[in-house]
């Protein structure tokens, strides 16, 4: 049995906040606004995983009016969602992501993002695709007002109950 989930997230860029994407702090003059650390990629992955499980979205599990999640590390939230994935008897088959940002250029950071996510998700980095694109100046991302991310995940039932997710 398999399941597929789609996640999307977007945040405004603002001065005075660190830019964190996929758990990696990226040197830039602005960061993403929001209640938690506003890690747009990790939020999209969380929504994809929750969607695949038919368990709502990030706002249901980590509400933005809960002070416990003020400036929260999104990777910690992702770890909690992975516990839910494993608890339902699934492992990640593959994960495909697209980040939309005019600036900064993200290519130099993609390998580090993949490696970090690989550890959290319990899958080899070759099962994680991360692409970065621009909108050629169009829309809020193109004007440099924000960054968005899409994530698609495929989950498969674990045959052995093994939560490592490293199979084939």
N, C-alpha and C. Protein backbone atom coordinates (compact mmCIF):
# COMPACT_ATOMS: atom_id res chain seq x y z
N UNK A 1 0.85 -1.19 0.00
CA UNK A 1 0.00 0.00 0.00
C UNK A 1 0.89 1.24 0.00
N UNK A 2 0.48 2.22 -0.76
CA UNK A 2 1.25 3.46 -0.78
C UNK A 2 0.29 4.66 -0.67
N UNK A 3 0.87 5.78 -0.30
CA UNK A 3 0.13 7.03 -0.19
C UNK A 3 1.00 8.14 -0.75
N UNK A 4 0.35 9.17 -1.27
CA UNK A 4 1.06 10.33 -1.81
C UNK A 4 0.51 11.59 -1.14
N UNK A 5 1.39 12.52 -0.81
CA UNK A 5 0.97 13.78 -0.21
C UNK A 5 1.64 14.95 -0.89
N UNK A 6 0.93 16.07 -0.93
CA UNK A 6 1.43 17.32 -1.51
C UNK A 6 1.44 18.39 -0.44
N UNK A 7 2.55 19.12 -0.35
CA UNK A 7 2.65 20.22 0.60
C UNK A 7 3.08 21.49 -0.10
N UNK A 8 2.62 22.61 0.44
CA UNK A 8 2.99 23.93 -0.09
C UNK A 8 3.12 24.88 1.10
N UNK A 9 4.07 25.77 1.02
CA UNK A 9 4.19 26.82 2.02
C UNK A 9 4.84 28.04 1.39
N UNK A 10 4.55 29.20 1.95
CA UNK A 10 5.14 30.46 1.50
C UNK A 10 5.24 31.40 2.70
N UNK A 11 6.31 32.16 2.75
CA UNK A 11 6.50 33.16 3.81
C UNK A 11 7.11 34.42 3.20
N UNK A 12 6.78 35.55 3.82
CA UNK A 12 7.36 36.84 3.44
C UNK A 12 8.81 36.93 3.91
N UNK A 13 9.64 37.60 3.14
CA UNK A 13 11.00 37.93 3.55
C UNK A 13 10.97 39.23 4.33
N UNK A 14 11.67 39.26 5.47
CA UNK A 14 11.75 40.46 6.30
C UNK A 14 13.18 40.61 6.83
N UNK A 15 13.55 41.82 7.13
CA UNK A 15 14.85 42.09 7.74
C UNK A 15 14.82 41.64 9.20
N UNK A 16 15.99 41.28 9.72
CA UNK A 16 16.11 40.99 11.14
C UNK A 16 15.80 39.55 11.55
N UNK A 17 15.63 38.67 10.58
CA UNK A 17 15.40 37.25 10.90
C UNK A 17 16.38 36.41 10.10
N UNK A 18 16.81 35.28 10.67
CA UNK A 18 17.69 34.39 9.89
C UNK A 18 16.90 33.69 8.80
N UNK A 19 17.57 33.37 7.71
CA UNK A 19 16.95 32.61 6.63
C UNK A 19 17.32 31.14 6.83
N UNK A 20 16.29 30.33 7.11
CA UNK A 20 16.49 28.90 7.33
C UNK A 20 15.64 28.15 6.31
N UNK A 21 16.28 27.31 5.53
CA UNK A 21 15.58 26.50 4.52
C UNK A 21 16.06 25.07 4.65
N UNK A 22 15.13 24.17 4.89
CA UNK A 22 15.48 22.76 5.04
C UNK A 22 16.39 22.49 6.21
N UNK A 23 16.28 23.32 7.25
CA UNK A 23 17.10 23.17 8.44
C UNK A 23 18.48 23.79 8.34
N UNK A 24 18.79 24.41 7.21
CA UNK A 24 20.11 25.02 7.00
C UNK A 24 19.98 26.54 7.04
N UNK A 25 20.84 27.14 7.84
CA UNK A 25 20.88 28.61 7.90
C UNK A 25 21.68 29.12 6.71
N UNK A 26 21.03 29.98 5.93
CA UNK A 26 21.62 30.48 4.69
C UNK A 26 21.95 31.96 4.85
N UNK A 27 23.20 32.34 4.61
CA UNK A 27 23.57 33.75 4.73
C UNK A 27 22.78 34.61 3.74
N UNK A 28 22.03 35.57 4.27
CA UNK A 28 21.23 36.47 3.44
C UNK A 28 20.84 37.66 4.30
N UNK A 29 20.49 38.76 3.67
CA UNK A 29 20.16 39.97 4.44
C UNK A 29 18.74 39.98 5.00
N UNK A 30 17.95 38.96 4.69
CA UNK A 30 16.58 38.85 5.19
C UNK A 30 16.29 37.40 5.55
N UNK A 31 15.24 37.23 6.35
CA UNK A 31 14.77 35.89 6.70
C UNK A 31 13.27 35.83 6.49
N UNK A 32 12.70 34.68 6.81
CA UNK A 32 11.27 34.48 6.57
C UNK A 32 10.46 34.77 7.82
N UNK A 33 9.39 35.55 7.64
CA UNK A 33 8.52 35.95 8.75
C UNK A 33 7.55 34.83 9.08
N UNK A 34 7.27 34.67 10.36
CA UNK A 34 6.29 33.69 10.79
C UNK A 34 6.42 33.41 12.26
N UNK A 35 5.55 32.54 12.76
CA UNK A 35 5.50 32.23 14.19
C UNK A 35 6.69 31.36 14.62
N UNK A 36 7.00 30.34 13.82
CA UNK A 36 8.14 29.46 14.13
C UNK A 36 9.37 30.05 13.46
N UNK A 37 10.34 29.20 13.12
CA UNK A 37 11.50 29.69 12.38
C UNK A 37 11.18 29.93 10.90
N UNK A 38 9.95 29.57 10.49
CA UNK A 38 9.42 29.85 9.15
C UNK A 38 10.21 29.16 8.04
N UNK A 39 10.69 27.98 8.32
CA UNK A 39 11.45 27.20 7.35
C UNK A 39 10.47 26.68 6.29
N UNK A 40 10.38 27.40 5.20
CA UNK A 40 9.36 27.17 4.17
C UNK A 40 9.45 25.76 3.57
N UNK A 41 10.64 25.25 3.36
CA UNK A 41 10.78 23.91 2.78
C UNK A 41 10.33 22.84 3.78
N UNK A 42 10.80 22.94 5.01
CA UNK A 42 10.42 21.95 6.01
C UNK A 42 8.92 21.98 6.26
N UNK A 43 8.31 23.16 6.22
CA UNK A 43 6.86 23.25 6.39
C UNK A 43 6.12 22.56 5.25
N UNK A 44 6.61 22.72 4.03
CA UNK A 44 5.98 22.05 2.89
C UNK A 44 6.12 20.54 3.02
N UNK A 45 7.27 20.07 3.49
CA UNK A 45 7.47 18.63 3.69
C UNK A 45 6.53 18.11 4.77
N UNK A 46 6.40 18.84 5.86
CA UNK A 46 5.48 18.45 6.93
C UNK A 46 4.06 18.32 6.38
N UNK A 47 3.62 19.31 5.62
CA UNK A 47 2.26 19.25 5.06
C UNK A 47 2.10 18.09 4.08
N UNK A 48 3.14 17.79 3.30
CA UNK A 48 3.06 16.64 2.39
C UNK A 48 2.91 15.34 3.17
N UNK A 49 3.70 15.18 4.22
CA UNK A 49 3.63 13.97 5.04
C UNK A 49 2.27 13.84 5.72
N UNK A 50 1.80 14.92 6.32
CA UNK A 50 0.49 14.89 6.99
C UNK A 50 -0.62 14.64 5.98
N UNK A 51 -0.50 15.22 4.79
CA UNK A 51 -1.49 14.99 3.75
C UNK A 51 -1.53 13.53 3.31
N UNK A 52 -0.35 12.93 3.16
CA UNK A 52 -0.29 11.52 2.77
C UNK A 52 -0.96 10.63 3.81
N UNK A 53 -0.88 11.03 5.07
CA UNK A 53 -1.50 10.27 6.15
C UNK A 53 -2.96 10.66 6.39
N UNK A 54 -3.44 11.68 5.68
CA UNK A 54 -4.79 12.23 5.88
C UNK A 54 -4.98 12.68 7.33
N UNK A 55 -3.96 13.40 7.85
CA UNK A 55 -3.97 13.85 9.24
C UNK A 55 -3.94 15.37 9.35
N UNK A 56 -4.55 16.06 8.41
CA UNK A 56 -4.62 17.51 8.51
C UNK A 56 -3.37 18.17 7.97
N UNK A 57 -3.03 19.32 8.56
CA UNK A 57 -1.88 20.09 8.09
C UNK A 57 -1.07 20.61 9.26
N UNK A 58 -0.05 21.35 8.94
CA UNK A 58 0.87 21.86 9.96
C UNK A 58 0.16 22.72 11.01
N UNK A 59 -0.84 23.48 10.58
CA UNK A 59 -1.57 24.34 11.50
C UNK A 59 -2.40 23.57 12.52
N UNK A 60 -2.83 22.38 12.17
CA UNK A 60 -3.58 21.54 13.11
C UNK A 60 -2.67 21.03 14.22
N UNK A 61 -1.46 20.62 13.86
CA UNK A 61 -0.54 20.00 14.81
C UNK A 61 0.40 20.99 15.50
N UNK A 62 0.67 22.12 14.85
CA UNK A 62 1.59 23.12 15.39
C UNK A 62 0.99 24.51 15.18
N UNK A 63 -0.10 24.83 15.89
CA UNK A 63 -0.83 26.08 15.63
C UNK A 63 0.01 27.33 15.88
N UNK A 64 -0.21 28.33 15.01
CA UNK A 64 0.58 29.56 15.12
C UNK A 64 0.11 30.48 16.24
N UNK A 65 -0.91 30.07 16.99
CA UNK A 65 -1.31 30.84 18.17
C UNK A 65 -0.87 30.14 19.46
N UNK A 66 -0.08 29.08 19.34
CA UNK A 66 0.43 28.35 20.50
C UNK A 66 1.82 28.87 20.83
N UNK A 67 2.00 29.45 22.03
CA UNK A 67 3.31 30.00 22.38
C UNK A 67 4.43 28.96 22.41
N UNK A 68 4.10 27.68 22.53
CA UNK A 68 5.13 26.63 22.51
C UNK A 68 5.87 26.59 21.17
N UNK A 69 5.23 27.09 20.12
CA UNK A 69 5.85 27.03 18.79
C UNK A 69 6.42 28.37 18.34
N UNK A 70 6.45 29.35 19.22
CA UNK A 70 7.05 30.64 18.90
C UNK A 70 8.54 30.43 18.65
N UNK A 71 9.01 30.79 17.46
CA UNK A 71 10.41 30.63 17.04
C UNK A 71 10.88 29.17 17.09
N UNK A 72 9.95 28.22 17.01
CA UNK A 72 10.29 26.79 17.08
C UNK A 72 11.14 26.37 15.90
N UNK A 73 11.99 25.40 16.15
CA UNK A 73 12.82 24.79 15.11
C UNK A 73 11.93 23.84 14.30
N UNK A 74 11.76 24.12 13.03
CA UNK A 74 10.88 23.31 12.19
C UNK A 74 11.39 21.88 12.02
N UNK A 75 12.68 21.68 12.15
CA UNK A 75 13.22 20.32 12.06
C UNK A 75 12.70 19.48 13.23
N UNK A 76 12.55 20.08 14.40
CA UNK A 76 11.98 19.36 15.55
C UNK A 76 10.53 19.00 15.25
N UNK A 77 9.80 19.90 14.63
CA UNK A 77 8.41 19.59 14.24
C UNK A 77 8.39 18.45 13.22
N UNK A 78 9.33 18.46 12.27
CA UNK A 78 9.41 17.39 11.28
C UNK A 78 9.70 16.05 11.96
N UNK A 79 10.56 16.06 12.97
CA UNK A 79 10.85 14.82 13.71
C UNK A 79 9.57 14.27 14.35
N UNK A 80 8.74 15.15 14.89
CA UNK A 80 7.47 14.71 15.50
C UNK A 80 6.54 14.12 14.44
N UNK A 81 6.51 14.72 13.27
CA UNK A 81 5.67 14.20 12.18
C UNK A 81 6.20 12.85 11.71
N UNK A 82 7.51 12.69 11.67
CA UNK A 82 8.07 11.39 11.28
C UNK A 82 7.70 10.30 12.28
N UNK A 83 7.57 10.64 13.55
CA UNK A 83 7.08 9.67 14.53
C UNK A 83 5.66 9.24 14.18
N UNK A 84 4.85 10.17 13.69
CA UNK A 84 3.49 9.83 13.27
C UNK A 84 3.51 8.91 12.05
N UNK A 85 4.39 9.22 11.09
CA UNK A 85 4.53 8.40 9.88
C UNK A 85 4.87 6.97 10.29
N UNK A 86 5.88 6.82 11.14
CA UNK A 86 6.31 5.49 11.59
C UNK A 86 5.22 4.81 12.40
N UNK A 87 4.52 5.58 13.22
CA UNK A 87 3.44 5.04 14.04
C UNK A 87 2.30 4.47 13.21
N UNK A 88 2.13 5.01 12.01
CA UNK A 88 1.09 4.50 11.10
C UNK A 88 1.61 3.35 10.24
N UNK A 89 2.89 2.99 10.44
CA UNK A 89 3.46 1.85 9.73
C UNK A 89 3.99 2.16 8.34
N UNK A 90 4.32 3.44 8.08
CA UNK A 90 4.81 3.83 6.76
C UNK A 90 6.27 4.25 6.83
N UNK A 91 6.90 4.20 5.67
CA UNK A 91 8.23 4.76 5.47
C UNK A 91 8.17 5.61 4.20
N UNK A 92 9.11 6.52 4.07
CA UNK A 92 9.16 7.36 2.88
C UNK A 92 9.81 6.58 1.74
N UNK A 93 9.13 6.54 0.61
CA UNK A 93 9.70 5.95 -0.60
C UNK A 93 10.57 6.99 -1.30
N UNK A 94 10.02 8.17 -1.52
CA UNK A 94 10.81 9.27 -2.09
C UNK A 94 10.14 10.60 -1.79
N UNK A 95 10.92 11.66 -1.94
CA UNK A 95 10.47 13.01 -1.62
C UNK A 95 10.99 13.94 -2.72
N UNK A 96 10.10 14.72 -3.32
CA UNK A 96 10.46 15.65 -4.38
C UNK A 96 10.03 17.05 -3.96
N UNK A 97 10.96 18.01 -4.02
CA UNK A 97 10.72 19.37 -3.54
C UNK A 97 11.16 20.41 -4.56
N UNK A 98 10.43 21.52 -4.59
CA UNK A 98 10.84 22.67 -5.38
C UNK A 98 10.74 23.92 -4.51
N UNK A 99 11.81 24.68 -4.47
CA UNK A 99 11.85 25.95 -3.74
C UNK A 99 11.81 27.06 -4.78
N UNK A 100 10.94 28.06 -4.57
CA UNK A 100 10.81 29.18 -5.49
C UNK A 100 11.34 30.43 -4.79
N UNK A 101 12.48 30.94 -5.28
CA UNK A 101 13.11 32.12 -4.69
C UNK A 101 13.94 32.83 -5.75
N UNK A 102 13.75 34.11 -5.88
CA UNK A 102 14.56 34.89 -6.80
C UNK A 102 15.98 35.02 -6.25
N UNK A 103 16.08 35.28 -4.96
CA UNK A 103 17.36 35.39 -4.24
C UNK A 103 17.12 34.86 -2.84
N UNK A 104 18.13 34.31 -2.21
CA UNK A 104 19.48 34.06 -2.69
C UNK A 104 19.52 32.83 -3.60
N UNK A 105 20.62 32.66 -4.28
CA UNK A 105 20.82 31.45 -5.07
C UNK A 105 21.01 30.29 -4.09
N UNK A 106 20.23 29.23 -4.27
CA UNK A 106 20.21 28.14 -3.30
C UNK A 106 21.03 26.92 -3.70
N UNK A 107 21.49 26.85 -4.94
CA UNK A 107 22.23 25.68 -5.41
C UNK A 107 23.39 25.31 -4.48
N UNK A 108 24.17 26.27 -3.97
CA UNK A 108 25.30 25.88 -3.11
C UNK A 108 24.88 25.19 -1.80
N UNK A 109 23.62 25.29 -1.42
CA UNK A 109 23.16 24.77 -0.14
C UNK A 109 22.36 23.48 -0.26
N UNK A 110 22.01 23.09 -1.49
CA UNK A 110 21.11 21.96 -1.68
C UNK A 110 21.70 20.66 -1.14
N UNK A 111 22.95 20.42 -1.37
CA UNK A 111 23.56 19.17 -0.87
C UNK A 111 23.47 19.08 0.65
N UNK A 112 23.79 20.16 1.35
CA UNK A 112 23.70 20.17 2.81
C UNK A 112 22.28 20.00 3.31
N UNK A 113 21.33 20.61 2.60
CA UNK A 113 19.92 20.46 2.96
C UNK A 113 19.51 19.00 2.81
N UNK A 114 19.87 18.38 1.69
CA UNK A 114 19.53 16.97 1.45
C UNK A 114 20.12 16.07 2.52
N UNK A 115 21.38 16.29 2.85
CA UNK A 115 22.04 15.45 3.86
C UNK A 115 21.38 15.59 5.22
N UNK A 116 21.04 16.82 5.60
CA UNK A 116 20.37 17.03 6.88
C UNK A 116 18.99 16.39 6.93
N UNK A 117 18.23 16.58 5.85
CA UNK A 117 16.89 15.99 5.80
C UNK A 117 16.96 14.47 5.76
N UNK A 118 17.97 13.93 5.11
CA UNK A 118 18.14 12.48 5.03
C UNK A 118 18.18 11.87 6.43
N UNK A 119 18.93 12.49 7.31
CA UNK A 119 19.04 11.99 8.68
C UNK A 119 17.73 12.07 9.44
N UNK A 120 17.02 13.17 9.29
CA UNK A 120 15.75 13.36 9.99
C UNK A 120 14.68 12.42 9.44
N UNK A 121 14.66 12.25 8.14
CA UNK A 121 13.63 11.44 7.49
C UNK A 121 13.94 9.95 7.49
N UNK A 122 15.19 9.59 7.78
CA UNK A 122 15.57 8.19 7.83
C UNK A 122 15.63 7.53 6.47
N UNK A 123 15.98 8.31 5.44
CA UNK A 123 16.11 7.76 4.09
C UNK A 123 17.42 8.25 3.48
N UNK A 124 17.94 7.50 2.51
CA UNK A 124 19.16 7.96 1.85
C UNK A 124 18.91 9.26 1.08
N UNK A 125 19.93 10.08 0.96
CA UNK A 125 19.76 11.37 0.28
C UNK A 125 19.41 11.20 -1.20
N UNK A 126 19.69 10.02 -1.78
CA UNK A 126 19.33 9.83 -3.19
C UNK A 126 17.83 9.58 -3.37
N UNK A 127 17.09 9.54 -2.29
CA UNK A 127 15.62 9.46 -2.37
C UNK A 127 14.98 10.83 -2.15
N UNK A 128 15.82 11.87 -2.06
CA UNK A 128 15.35 13.23 -1.85
C UNK A 128 15.77 14.09 -3.02
N UNK A 129 14.81 14.71 -3.67
CA UNK A 129 15.10 15.66 -4.74
C UNK A 129 14.77 17.06 -4.24
N UNK A 130 15.70 17.97 -4.43
CA UNK A 130 15.46 19.38 -4.09
C UNK A 130 15.89 20.21 -5.27
N UNK A 131 14.93 20.95 -5.80
CA UNK A 131 15.21 21.83 -6.93
C UNK A 131 14.93 23.27 -6.49
N UNK A 132 15.67 24.19 -7.03
CA UNK A 132 15.44 25.61 -6.77
C UNK A 132 15.19 26.30 -8.11
N UNK A 133 14.20 27.18 -8.14
CA UNK A 133 13.88 27.90 -9.36
C UNK A 133 13.49 29.33 -9.01
N UNK A 134 13.42 30.16 -10.03
CA UNK A 134 12.93 31.53 -9.88
C UNK A 134 11.62 31.65 -10.66
N UNK A 135 11.00 32.80 -10.54
CA UNK A 135 9.81 33.08 -11.35
C UNK A 135 10.09 34.18 -12.35
N UNK A 136 11.39 34.40 -12.63
CA UNK A 136 11.79 35.39 -13.64
C UNK A 136 11.20 36.76 -13.37
N UNK A 137 11.16 37.13 -12.07
CA UNK A 137 10.69 38.45 -11.69
C UNK A 137 9.19 38.58 -11.51
N UNK A 138 8.44 37.52 -11.75
CA UNK A 138 6.97 37.60 -11.64
C UNK A 138 6.50 37.20 -10.24
N UNK A 139 5.43 37.82 -9.78
CA UNK A 139 4.81 37.46 -8.52
C UNK A 139 5.62 37.86 -7.30
N UNK A 140 5.11 37.48 -6.11
CA UNK A 140 5.77 37.89 -4.87
C UNK A 140 7.16 37.29 -4.73
N UNK A 141 7.37 36.06 -5.18
CA UNK A 141 8.71 35.47 -5.13
C UNK A 141 9.64 36.21 -6.09
N UNK A 142 9.17 36.48 -7.28
CA UNK A 142 9.97 37.16 -8.28
C UNK A 142 10.37 38.57 -7.90
N UNK A 143 9.51 39.24 -7.14
CA UNK A 143 9.82 40.60 -6.66
C UNK A 143 10.69 40.57 -5.41
N UNK A 144 11.05 39.37 -4.93
CA UNK A 144 11.90 39.26 -3.74
C UNK A 144 11.15 39.53 -2.45
N UNK A 145 9.83 39.41 -2.47
CA UNK A 145 9.02 39.66 -1.28
C UNK A 145 8.88 38.43 -0.40
N UNK A 146 9.16 37.25 -0.96
CA UNK A 146 9.00 36.02 -0.20
C UNK A 146 9.61 34.83 -0.91
N UNK A 147 9.47 33.68 -0.25
CA UNK A 147 9.95 32.41 -0.78
C UNK A 147 8.84 31.39 -0.58
N UNK A 148 8.69 30.50 -1.55
CA UNK A 148 7.67 29.45 -1.48
C UNK A 148 8.33 28.10 -1.73
N UNK A 149 7.63 27.04 -1.34
CA UNK A 149 8.14 25.68 -1.58
C UNK A 149 6.97 24.72 -1.78
N UNK A 150 7.19 23.76 -2.67
CA UNK A 150 6.27 22.64 -2.90
C UNK A 150 6.99 21.36 -2.52
N UNK A 151 6.24 20.40 -2.01
CA UNK A 151 6.80 19.10 -1.67
C UNK A 151 5.80 18.01 -2.02
N UNK A 152 6.29 16.94 -2.63
CA UNK A 152 5.47 15.76 -2.91
C UNK A 152 6.19 14.56 -2.29
N UNK A 153 5.45 13.77 -1.53
CA UNK A 153 6.04 12.61 -0.87
C UNK A 153 5.26 11.36 -1.24
N UNK A 154 5.99 10.27 -1.37
CA UNK A 154 5.40 8.95 -1.57
C UNK A 154 5.76 8.12 -0.34
N UNK A 155 4.72 7.60 0.32
CA UNK A 155 4.91 6.72 1.48
C UNK A 155 4.54 5.31 1.08
N UNK A 156 5.24 4.34 1.63
CA UNK A 156 4.89 2.93 1.43
C UNK A 156 4.80 2.26 2.79
N UNK A 157 3.94 1.24 2.86
CA UNK A 157 3.82 0.47 4.09
C UNK A 157 5.13 -0.24 4.34
N UNK A 158 5.55 -0.21 5.59
CA UNK A 158 6.76 -0.92 5.97
C UNK A 158 6.45 -2.40 6.06
N UNK A 159 7.19 -3.22 5.32
CA UNK A 159 6.98 -4.67 5.34
C UNK A 159 7.40 -5.29 6.66
N UNK A 160 8.44 -4.74 7.25
CA UNK A 160 9.03 -5.36 8.44
C UNK A 160 8.72 -4.62 9.72
N UNK A 161 8.07 -3.46 9.60
CA UNK A 161 7.90 -2.63 10.79
C UNK A 161 9.15 -1.81 11.05
N UNK A 162 10.17 -1.97 10.19
CA UNK A 162 11.41 -1.22 10.32
C UNK A 162 11.15 0.22 9.96
N UNK A 163 11.53 1.13 10.83
CA UNK A 163 11.29 2.55 10.58
C UNK A 163 12.48 3.24 9.94
N UNK A 164 13.50 2.49 9.54
CA UNK A 164 14.69 3.12 8.97
C UNK A 164 14.43 3.71 7.61
N UNK A 165 13.54 3.13 6.83
CA UNK A 165 13.19 3.70 5.54
C UNK A 165 14.25 3.58 4.48
N UNK A 166 15.25 2.77 4.68
CA UNK A 166 16.35 2.71 3.73
C UNK A 166 16.17 1.71 2.62
N UNK A 167 15.04 1.06 2.54
CA UNK A 167 14.87 0.01 1.53
C UNK A 167 14.90 0.52 0.11
N UNK A 168 15.15 -0.37 -0.83
CA UNK A 168 15.24 -0.27 -2.20
C UNK A 168 15.06 0.74 -3.11
